[in-house]
PDB file of N, CA and C in Angstrom:
ATOM      1  N   MET A   1     109.544 102.925  99.262  1.00  0.00           N
ATOM      2  CA  MET A   1     109.245 101.558  98.925  1.00  0.00           C
ATOM      3  C   MET A   1     110.513 100.894  98.412  1.00  0.00           C
ATOM      4  N   GLU A   2     110.738  99.665  98.826  1.00  0.00           N
ATOM      5  CA  GLU A   2     111.922  98.938  98.394  1.00  0.00           C
ATOM      6  C   GLU A   2     111.511  97.746  97.544  1.00  0.00           C
ATOM      7  N   PHE A   3     112.332  97.412  96.572  1.00  0.00           N
ATOM      8  CA  PHE A   3     112.113  96.277  95.700  1.00  0.00           C
ATOM      9  C   PHE A   3     113.316  95.356  95.770  1.00  0.00           C
ATOM     10  N   THR A   4     113.097  94.086  95.581  1.00  0.00           N
ATOM     11  CA  THR A   4     114.192  93.131  95.467  1.00  0.00           C
ATOM     12  C   THR A   4     114.592  93.067  94.001  1.00  0.00           C
ATOM     13  N   VAL A   5     115.877  93.208  93.747  1.00  0.00           N
ATOM     14  CA  VAL A   5     116.390  93.261  92.374  1.00  0.00           C
ATOM     15  C   VAL A   5     117.396  92.141  92.172  1.00  0.00           C
ATOM     16  N   LEU A   6     117.253  91.408  91.070  1.00  0.00           N
ATOM     17  CA  LEU A   6     118.224  90.402  90.675  1.00  0.00           C
ATOM     18  C   LEU A   6     119.193  91.071  89.706  1.00  0.00           C
ATOM     19  N   LEU A   7     120.467  91.146  90.076  1.00  0.00           N
ATOM     20  CA  LEU A   7     121.486  91.780  89.241  1.00  0.00           C
ATOM     21  C   LEU A   7     122.443  90.694  88.767  1.00  0.00           C
ATOM     22  N   LYS A   8     122.511  90.494  87.449  1.00  0.00           N
ATOM     23  CA  LYS A   8     123.268  89.367  86.897  1.00  0.00           C
ATOM     24  C   LYS A   8     124.213  89.835  85.790  1.00  0.00           C
ATOM     25  N   PRO A   9     125.504  89.449  85.886  1.00  0.00           N
ATOM     26  CA  PRO A   9     126.412  89.744  84.778  1.00  0.00           C
ATOM     27  C   PRO A   9     125.992  88.937  83.552  1.00  0.00           C
ATOM     28  N   THR A  10     126.092  89.542  82.376  1.00  0.00           N
ATOM     29  CA  THR A  10     125.740  88.853  81.134  1.00  0.00           C
ATOM     30  C   THR A  10     126.939  88.827  80.213  1.00  0.00           C
ATOM     31  N   LYS A  11     126.769  88.228  79.044  1.00  0.00           N
ATOM     32  CA  LYS A  11     127.869  88.172  78.072  1.00  0.00           C
ATOM     33  C   LYS A  11     128.270  89.573  77.646  1.00  0.00           C
ATOM     34  N   GLY A  12     129.504  89.723  77.301  1.00  0.00           N
ATOM     35  CA  GLY A  12     129.997  91.001  76.801  1.00  0.00           C
ATOM     36  C   GLY A  12     130.187  92.036  77.897  1.00  0.00           C
ATOM     37  N   LEU A  13     130.448  91.572  79.104  1.00  0.00           N
ATOM     38  CA  LEU A  13     130.698  92.473  80.232  1.00  0.00           C
ATOM     39  C   LEU A  13     129.557  93.467  80.441  1.00  0.00           C
ATOM     40  N   ARG A  14     128.328  92.975  80.325  1.00  0.00           N
ATOM     41  CA  ARG A  14     127.141  93.790  80.576  1.00  0.00           C
ATOM     42  C   ARG A  14     126.449  93.256  81.819  1.00  0.00           C
ATOM     43  N   TYR A  15     125.415  93.948  82.274  1.00  0.00           N
ATOM     44  CA  TYR A  15     124.656  93.539  83.452  1.00  0.00           C
ATOM     45  C   TYR A  15     123.172  93.583  83.145  1.00  0.00           C
ATOM     46  N   ARG A  16     122.430  92.622  83.709  1.00  0.00           N
ATOM     47  CA  ARG A  16     120.978  92.596  83.580  1.00  0.00           C
ATOM     48  C   ARG A  16     120.386  92.779  84.980  1.00  0.00           C
ATOM     49  N   ALA A  17     119.511  93.785  85.125  1.00  0.00           N
ATOM     50  CA  ALA A  17     118.816  94.029  86.388  1.00  0.00           C
ATOM     51  C   ALA A  17     117.344  93.698  86.176  1.00  0.00           C
ATOM     52  N   THR A  18     116.797  92.817  87.032  1.00  0.00           N
ATOM     53  CA  THR A  18     115.424  92.355  86.887  1.00  0.00           C
ATOM     54  C   THR A  18     114.667  92.568  88.192  1.00  0.00           C
ATOM     55  N   CYS A  19     113.446  93.071  88.054  1.00  0.00           N
ATOM     56  CA  CYS A  19     112.571  93.242  89.208  1.00  0.00           C
ATOM     57  C   CYS A  19     111.208  92.673  88.837  1.00  0.00           C
ATOM     58  N   ALA A  20     110.784  91.632  89.535  1.00  0.00           N
ATOM     59  CA  ALA A  20     109.503  91.013  89.217  1.00  0.00           C
ATOM     60  C   ALA A  20     108.597  90.914  90.434  1.00  0.00           C
ATOM     61  N   SER A  21     108.881  91.680  91.481  1.00  0.00           N
ATOM     62  CA  SER A  21     108.092  91.534  92.696  1.00  0.00           C
ATOM     63  C   SER A  21     106.670  92.049  92.541  1.00  0.00           C
ATOM     64  N   LEU A  22     106.454  93.157  91.861  1.00  0.00           N
ATOM     65  CA  LEU A  22     105.111  93.669  91.646  1.00  0.00           C
ATOM     66  C   LEU A  22     104.735  93.679  90.172  1.00  0.00           C
ATOM     67  N   PHE A  23     105.685  93.878  89.332  1.00  0.00           N
ATOM     68  CA  PHE A  23     105.492  93.865  87.894  1.00  0.00           C
ATOM     69  C   PHE A  23     106.836  93.515  87.283  1.00  0.00           C
ATOM     70  N   HIS A  24     106.822  92.893  86.148  1.00  0.00           N
ATOM     71  CA  HIS A  24     108.080  92.458  85.559  1.00  0.00           C
ATOM     72  C   HIS A  24     108.766  93.635  84.877  1.00  0.00           C
ATOM     73  N   THR A  25     109.992  93.893  85.267  1.00  0.00           N
ATOM     74  CA  THR A  25     110.797  94.949  84.666  1.00  0.00           C
ATOM     75  C   THR A  25     112.213  94.420  84.523  1.00  0.00           C
ATOM     76  N   GLU A  26     112.779  94.546  83.331  1.00  0.00           N
ATOM     77  CA  GLU A  26     114.133  94.056  83.088  1.00  0.00           C
ATOM     78  C   GLU A  26     114.845  94.995  82.137  1.00  0.00           C
ATOM     79  N   VAL A  27     116.088  95.347  82.456  1.00  0.00           N
ATOM     80  CA  VAL A  27     116.900  96.231  81.622  1.00  0.00           C
ATOM     81  C   VAL A  27     118.313  95.689  81.551  1.00  0.00           C
ATOM     82  N   GLU A  28     119.100  96.199  80.611  1.00  0.00           N
ATOM     83  CA  GLU A  28     120.522  95.879  80.543  1.00  0.00           C
ATOM     84  C   GLU A  28     121.314  97.172  80.433  1.00  0.00           C
ATOM     85  N   GLY A  29     122.511  97.155  81.006  1.00  0.00           N
ATOM     86  CA  GLY A  29     123.384  98.312  80.932  1.00  0.00           C
ATOM     87  C   GLY A  29     124.830  97.893  80.807  1.00  0.00           C
ATOM     88  N   GLU A  30     125.669  98.834  80.439  1.00  0.00           N
ATOM     89  CA  GLU A  30     127.093  98.557  80.279  1.00  0.00           C
ATOM     90  C   GLU A  30     127.765  98.277  81.627  1.00  0.00           C
ATOM     91  N   THR A  31     127.250  98.883  82.695  1.00  0.00           N
ATOM     92  CA  THR A  31     127.816  98.703  84.027  1.00  0.00           C
ATOM     93  C   THR A  31     126.707  98.344  85.004  1.00  0.00           C
ATOM     94  N   ARG A  32     127.099  97.896  86.203  1.00  0.00           N
ATOM     95  CA  ARG A  32     126.118  97.609  87.263  1.00  0.00           C
ATOM     96  C   ARG A  32     125.298  98.857  87.550  1.00  0.00           C
ATOM     97  N   GLU A  33     125.992  99.975  87.711  1.00  0.00           N
ATOM     98  CA  GLU A  33     125.339 101.222  88.073  1.00  0.00           C
ATOM     99  C   GLU A  33     124.343 101.661  86.998  1.00  0.00           C
ATOM    100  N   GLN A  34     124.737 101.519  85.725  1.00  0.00           N
ATOM    101  CA  GLN A  34     123.852 101.911  84.630  1.00  0.00           C
ATOM    102  C   GLN A  34     122.606 101.017  84.595  1.00  0.00           C
ATOM    103  N   ALA A  35     122.795  99.730  84.772  1.00  0.00           N
ATOM    104  CA  ALA A  35     121.652  98.818  84.771  1.00  0.00           C
ATOM    105  C   ALA A  35     120.703  99.140  85.913  1.00  0.00           C
ATOM    106  N   LEU A  36     121.248  99.376  87.109  1.00  0.00           N
ATOM    107  CA  LEU A  36     120.399  99.696  88.259  1.00  0.00           C
ATOM    108  C   LEU A  36     119.691 101.034  88.087  1.00  0.00           C
ATOM    109  N   GLU A  37     120.360 102.020  87.525  1.00  0.00           N
ATOM    110  CA  GLU A  37     119.742 103.325  87.298  1.00  0.00           C
ATOM    111  C   GLU A  37     118.609 103.215  86.271  1.00  0.00           C
ATOM    112  N   GLN A  38     118.836 102.456  85.202  1.00  0.00           N
ATOM    113  CA  GLN A  38     117.779 102.268  84.205  1.00  0.00           C
ATOM    114  C   GLN A  38     116.571 101.553  84.814  1.00  0.00           C
ATOM    115  N   LEU A  39     116.843 100.562  85.669  1.00  0.00           N
ATOM    116  CA  LEU A  39     115.756  99.850  86.328  1.00  0.00           C
ATOM    117  C   LEU A  39     114.991 100.795  87.251  1.00  0.00           C
ATOM    118  N   ARG A  40     115.713 101.597  88.023  1.00  0.00           N
ATOM    119  CA  ARG A  40     115.061 102.562  88.910  1.00  0.00           C
ATOM    120  C   ARG A  40     114.166 103.503  88.130  1.00  0.00           C
ATOM    121  N   GLN A  41     114.655 103.985  86.985  1.00  0.00           N
ATOM    122  CA  GLN A  41     113.880 104.904  86.160  1.00  0.00           C
ATOM    123  C   GLN A  41     112.611 104.235  85.623  1.00  0.00           C
ATOM    124  N   GLN A  42     112.735 102.991  85.169  1.00  0.00           N
ATOM    125  CA  GLN A  42     111.554 102.294  84.632  1.00  0.00           C
ATOM    126  C   GLN A  42     110.513 102.057  85.711  1.00  0.00           C
ATOM    127  N   ILE A  43     110.956 101.645  86.901  1.00  0.00           N
ATOM    128  CA  ILE A  43     110.006 101.431  87.995  1.00  0.00           C
ATOM    129  C   ILE A  43     109.342 102.751  88.358  1.00  0.00           C
ATOM    130  N   GLN A  44     110.128 103.830  88.440  1.00  0.00           N
ATOM    131  CA  GLN A  44     109.572 105.136  88.779  1.00  0.00           C
ATOM    132  C   GLN A  44     108.550 105.581  87.742  1.00  0.00           C
ATOM    133  N   GLU A  45     108.849 105.375  86.459  1.00  0.00           N
ATOM    134  CA  GLU A  45     107.906 105.742  85.403  1.00  0.00           C
ATOM    135  C   GLU A  45     106.596 104.974  85.546  1.00  0.00           C
ATOM    136  N   GLN A  46     106.691 103.694  85.900  1.00  0.00           N
ATOM    137  CA  GLN A  46     105.478 102.895  86.059  1.00  0.00           C
ATOM    138  C   GLN A  46     104.677 103.359  87.277  1.00  0.00           C
ATOM    139  N   MET A  47     105.340 103.884  88.286  1.00  0.00           N
ATOM    140  CA  MET A  47     104.645 104.334  89.485  1.00  0.00           C
ATOM    141  C   MET A  47     104.118 105.763  89.333  1.00  0.00           C
ATOM    142  N   ASP A  48     104.675 106.553  88.417  1.00  0.00           N
ATOM    143  CA  ASP A  48     104.285 107.951  88.269  1.00  0.00           C
ATOM    144  C   ASP A  48     102.954 108.151  87.555  1.00  0.00           C
ATOM    145  N   ASP A  49     102.394 107.121  86.965  1.00  0.00           N
ATOM    146  CA  ASP A  49     101.150 107.294  86.208  1.00  0.00           C
ATOM    147  C   ASP A  49      99.902 107.083  87.057  1.00  0.00           C
ATOM    148  N   GLY A  50     100.058 107.136  88.363  1.00  0.00           N
ATOM    149  CA  GLY A  50      98.911 106.946  89.244  1.00  0.00           C
ATOM    150  C   GLY A  50      98.719 105.505  89.676  1.00  0.00           C
ATOM    151  N   THR A  51      99.655 104.642  89.333  1.00  0.00           N
ATOM    152  CA  THR A  51      99.575 103.247  89.736  1.00  0.00           C
ATOM    153  C   THR A  51      99.540 103.151  91.248  1.00  0.00           C
ATOM    154  N   GLU A  52      98.659 102.308  91.766  1.00  0.00           N
ATOM    155  CA  GLU A  52      98.563 102.084  93.194  1.00  0.00           C
ATOM    156  C   GLU A  52      98.934 100.648  93.506  1.00  0.00           C
ATOM    157  N   ILE A  53      99.466 100.428  94.670  1.00  0.00           N
ATOM    158  CA  ILE A  53      99.755  99.090  95.149  1.00  0.00           C
ATOM    159  C   ILE A  53      98.779  98.824  96.283  1.00  0.00           C
ATOM    160  N   ILE A  54      97.904  97.846  96.089  1.00  0.00           N
ATOM    161  CA  ILE A  54      96.891  97.532  97.086  1.00  0.00           C
ATOM    162  C   ILE A  54      96.914  96.044  97.385  1.00  0.00           C
ATOM    163  N   GLN A  55      96.267  95.655  98.469  1.00  0.00           N
ATOM    164  CA  GLN A  55      96.102  94.244  98.774  1.00  0.00           C
ATOM    165  C   GLN A  55      94.644  93.888  98.544  1.00  0.00           C
ATOM    166  N   MET A  56      94.405  92.717  97.975  1.00  0.00           N
ATOM    167  CA  MET A  56      93.058  92.305  97.658  1.00  0.00           C
ATOM    168  C   MET A  56      92.873  90.852  98.050  1.00  0.00           C
ATOM    169  N   LYS A  57      91.771  90.562  98.707  1.00  0.00           N
ATOM    170  CA  LYS A  57      91.450  89.185  99.063  1.00  0.00           C
ATOM    171  C   LYS A  57      90.479  88.654  98.020  1.00  0.00           C
ATOM    172  N   ILE A  58      90.781  87.502  97.482  1.00  0.00           N
ATOM    173  CA  ILE A  58      89.937  86.869  96.479  1.00  0.00           C
ATOM    174  C   ILE A  58      89.308  85.635  97.100  1.00  0.00           C
ATOM    175  N   ASN A  59      87.991  85.563  97.103  1.00  0.00           N
ATOM    176  CA  ASN A  59      87.279  84.395  97.610  1.00  0.00           C
ATOM    177  C   ASN A  59      86.895  83.506  96.443  1.00  0.00           C
ATOM    178  N   GLY A  60      86.771  82.235  96.718  1.00  0.00           N
ATOM    179  CA  GLY A  60      86.361  81.308  95.671  1.00  0.00           C
ATOM    180  C   GLY A  60      87.449  80.308  95.389  1.00  0.00           C
ATOM    181  N   GLY A  61      87.268  79.591  94.327  1.00  0.00           N
ATOM    182  CA  GLY A  61      88.237  78.566  93.972  1.00  0.00           C
ATOM    183  C   GLY A  61      88.036  77.331  94.811  1.00  0.00           C
ATOM    184  N   THR A  62      89.096  76.617  95.034  1.00  0.00           N
ATOM    185  CA  THR A  62      89.017  75.375  95.788  1.00  0.00           C
ATOM    186  C   THR A  62      88.624  75.623  97.235  1.00  0.00           C
ATOM    187  N   SER A  63      87.825  74.745  97.788  1.00  0.00           N
ATOM    188  CA  SER A  63      87.397  74.912  99.175  1.00  0.00           C
ATOM    189  C   SER A  63      88.497  74.515 100.147  1.00  0.00           C
ATOM    190  N   ASN A  64      89.494  73.761  99.687  1.00  0.00           N
ATOM    191  CA  ASN A  64      90.619  73.361 100.517  1.00  0.00           C
ATOM    192  C   ASN A  64      91.920  73.821  99.865  1.00  0.00           C
ATOM    193  N   PRO A  65      92.254  75.103 100.040  1.00  0.00           N
ATOM    194  CA  PRO A  65      93.511  75.558  99.429  1.00  0.00           C
ATOM    195  C   PRO A  65      94.698  74.845 100.049  1.00  0.00           C
ATOM    196  N   LEU A  66      95.778  74.779  99.308  1.00  0.00           N
ATOM    197  CA  LEU A  66      96.982  74.127  99.809  1.00  0.00           C
ATOM    198  C   LEU A  66      97.499  74.862 101.030  1.00  0.00           C
ATOM    199  N   PRO A  67      97.925  74.145 102.058  1.00  0.00           N
ATOM    200  CA  PRO A  67      98.454  74.816 103.251  1.00  0.00           C
ATOM    201  C   PRO A  67      99.801  75.469 102.952  1.00  0.00           C
ATOM    202  N   LEU A  68     100.134  76.460 103.753  1.00  0.00           N
ATOM    203  CA  LEU A  68     101.421  77.122 103.592  1.00  0.00           C
ATOM    204  C   LEU A  68     102.566  76.150 103.859  1.00  0.00           C
ATOM    205  N   TRP A  69     102.403  75.291 104.877  1.00  0.00           N
ATOM    206  CA  TRP A  69     103.413  74.309 105.239  1.00  0.00           C
ATOM    207  C   TRP A  69     102.808  72.917 105.118  1.00  0.00           C
ATOM    208  N   PRO A  70     103.608  71.909 104.783  1.00  0.00           N
ATOM    209  CA  PRO A  70     103.099  70.537 104.790  1.00  0.00           C
ATOM    210  C   PRO A  70     102.599  70.187 106.187  1.00  0.00           C
ATOM    211  N   ASP A  71     101.564  69.397 106.260  1.00  0.00           N
ATOM    212  CA  ASP A  71     100.989  69.037 107.558  1.00  0.00           C
ATOM    213  C   ASP A  71     101.442  67.634 107.937  1.00  0.00           C
ATOM    214  N   ASP A  72     102.735  67.520 108.243  1.00  0.00           N
ATOM    215  CA  ASP A  72     103.261  66.231 108.672  1.00  0.00           C
ATOM    216  C   ASP A  72     103.946  66.401 110.029  1.00  0.00           C
ATOM    217  N   GLU A  73     104.329  65.312 110.638  1.00  0.00           N
ATOM    218  CA  GLU A  73     104.894  65.345 111.987  1.00  0.00           C
ATOM    219  C   GLU A  73     106.190  66.150 112.056  1.00  0.00           C
ATOM    220  N   ILE A  74     107.050  65.973 111.078  1.00  0.00           N
ATOM    221  CA  ILE A  74     108.330  66.685 111.077  1.00  0.00           C
ATOM    222  C   ILE A  74     108.103  68.193 111.004  1.00  0.00           C
ATOM    223  N   THR A  75     107.219  68.625 110.098  1.00  0.00           N
ATOM    224  CA  THR A  75     106.941  70.055 109.954  1.00  0.00           C
ATOM    225  C   THR A  75     106.301  70.609 111.219  1.00  0.00           C
ATOM    226  N   GLN A  76     105.389  69.854 111.823  1.00  0.00           N
ATOM    227  CA  GLN A  76     104.735  70.311 113.051  1.00  0.00           C
ATOM    228  C   GLN A  76     105.756  70.490 114.178  1.00  0.00           C
ATOM    229  N   LYS A  77     106.693  69.545 114.309  1.00  0.00           N
ATOM    230  CA  LYS A  77     107.747  69.673 115.327  1.00  0.00           C
ATOM    231  C   LYS A  77     108.629  70.880 115.046  1.00  0.00           C
ATOM    232  N   TRP A  78     108.946  71.085 113.793  1.00  0.00           N
ATOM    233  CA  TRP A  78     109.788  72.209 113.383  1.00  0.00           C
ATOM    234  C   TRP A  78     109.097  73.535 113.706  1.00  0.00           C
ATOM    235  N   LEU A  79     107.808  73.665 113.344  1.00  0.00           N
ATOM    236  CA  LEU A  79     107.069  74.886 113.628  1.00  0.00           C
ATOM    237  C   LEU A  79     106.941  75.120 115.132  1.00  0.00           C
ATOM    238  N   LYS A  80     106.740  74.045 115.900  1.00  0.00           N
ATOM    239  CA  LYS A  80     106.643  74.164 117.358  1.00  0.00           C
ATOM    240  C   LYS A  80     107.971  74.670 117.933  1.00  0.00           C
ATOM    241  N   ALA A  81     109.091  74.129 117.436  1.00  0.00           N
ATOM    242  CA  ALA A  81     110.406  74.557 117.908  1.00  0.00           C
ATOM    243  C   ALA A  81     110.650  76.030 117.585  1.00  0.00           C
ATOM    244  N   ILE A  82     110.247  76.468 116.409  1.00  0.00           N
ATOM    245  CA  ILE A  82     110.391  77.877 116.038  1.00  0.00           C
ATOM    246  C   ILE A  82     109.587  78.750 116.999  1.00  0.00           C
ATOM    247  N   LYS A  83     108.353  78.336 117.268  1.00  0.00           N
ATOM    248  CA  LYS A  83     107.493  79.094 118.178  1.00  0.00           C
ATOM    249  C   LYS A  83     108.134  79.215 119.565  1.00  0.00           C
ATOM    250  N   GLU A  84     108.690  78.111 120.063  1.00  0.00           N
ATOM    251  CA  GLU A  84     109.321  78.121 121.390  1.00  0.00           C
ATOM    252  C   GLU A  84     110.534  79.042 121.421  1.00  0.00           C
ATOM    253  N   VAL A  85     111.355  78.990 120.393  1.00  0.00           N
ATOM    254  CA  VAL A  85     112.543  79.849 120.330  1.00  0.00           C
ATOM    255  C   VAL A  85     112.120  81.321 120.277  1.00  0.00           C
ATOM    256  N   ARG A  86     111.091  81.621 119.497  1.00  0.00           N
ATOM    257  CA  ARG A  86     110.614  83.006 119.410  1.00  0.00           C
ATOM    258  C   ARG A  86     110.073  83.479 120.750  1.00  0.00           C
ATOM    259  N   GLN A  87     109.340  82.595 121.454  1.00  0.00           N
ATOM    260  CA  GLN A  87     108.802  82.966 122.765  1.00  0.00           C
ATOM    261  C   GLN A  87     109.929  83.232 123.755  1.00  0.00           C
ATOM    262  N   GLU A  88     110.963  82.401 123.723  1.00  0.00           N
ATOM    263  CA  GLU A  88     112.107  82.609 124.610  1.00  0.00           C
ATOM    264  C   GLU A  88     112.812  83.928 124.295  1.00  0.00           C
ATOM    265  N   ALA A  89     112.997  84.212 123.022  1.00  0.00           N
ATOM    266  CA  ALA A  89     113.654  85.464 122.627  1.00  0.00           C
ATOM    267  C   ALA A  89     112.808  86.662 123.037  1.00  0.00           C
ATOM    268  N   ASP A  90     111.495  86.568 122.842  1.00  0.00           N
ATOM    269  CA  ASP A  90     110.607  87.658 123.248  1.00  0.00           C
ATOM    270  C   ASP A  90     110.669  87.862 124.758  1.00  0.00           C
ATOM    271  N   ALA A  91     110.694  86.757 125.513  1.00  0.00           N
ATOM    272  CA  ALA A  91     110.750  86.849 126.975  1.00  0.00           C
ATOM    273  C   ALA A  91     112.040  87.546 127.414  1.00  0.00           C
ATOM    274  N   GLU A  92     113.153  87.220 126.748  1.00  0.00           N
ATOM    275  CA  GLU A  92     114.430  87.860 127.075  1.00  0.00           C
ATOM    276  C   GLU A  92     114.391  89.350 126.798  1.00  0.00           C
ATOM    277  N   GLU A  93     113.632  89.752 125.780  1.00  0.00           N
ATOM    278  CA  GLU A  93     113.518  91.159 125.418  1.00  0.00           C
ATOM    279  C   GLU A  93     112.416  91.861 126.214  1.00  0.00           C
ATOM    280  N   GLY A  94     111.653  91.089 126.995  1.00  0.00           N
ATOM    281  CA  GLY A  94     110.576  91.682 127.783  1.00  0.00           C
ATOM    282  C   GLY A  94     109.310  91.913 126.981  1.00  0.00           C
ATOM    283  N   ILE A  95     109.182  91.221 125.858  1.00  0.00           N
ATOM    284  CA  ILE A  95     108.007  91.374 124.996  1.00  0.00           C
ATOM    285  C   ILE A  95     106.959  90.358 125.456  1.00  0.00           C
ATOM    286  N   ILE A  96     105.741  90.839 125.663  1.00  0.00           N
ATOM    287  CA  ILE A  96     104.651  89.958 126.063  1.00  0.00           C
ATOM    288  C   ILE A  96     103.722  89.770 124.877  1.00  0.00           C
ATOM    289  N   VAL A  97     103.533  88.528 124.460  1.00  0.00           N
ATOM    290  CA  VAL A  97     102.653  88.202 123.341  1.00  0.00           C
ATOM    291  C   VAL A  97     101.581  87.269 123.855  1.00  0.00           C
ATOM    292  N   ASN A  98     100.329  87.640 123.648  1.00  0.00           N
ATOM    293  CA  ASN A  98      99.205  86.815 124.107  1.00  0.00           C
ATOM    294  C   ASN A  98      98.564  86.097 122.932  1.00  0.00           C
ATOM    295  N   ASN A  99      99.249  85.111 122.395  1.00  0.00           N
ATOM    296  CA  ASN A  99      98.632  84.284 121.345  1.00  0.00           C
ATOM    297  C   ASN A  99      98.974  82.829 121.612  1.00  0.00           C
ATOM    298  N   PRO A 100      98.062  81.935 121.255  1.00  0.00           N
ATOM    299  CA  PRO A 100      98.255  80.505 121.572  1.00  0.00           C
ATOM    300  C   PRO A 100      99.403  79.872 120.848  1.00  0.00           C
TER     301      PRO A 100
END
């Protein structure tokens, strides 16, 4: 499993490594390597206690959730152009996709 880590130099020539993709974890170390190793250890400790990562669908709330993309003419043209470019690239690779 891979995590995205934000590694930031801090005052006093130290480093802060932060991981908030599944749970918030933040450490500081004297060096980049030390900060990353401490972060790895903390994430591993949190995963070693039987923690599971699952996906869950939640129903309810607003009947009209916000769309992923704005529904305006510019966005629609942009999404259409992306779809066309992907179809062309797939065709060049010999990939057949049967979706509208």
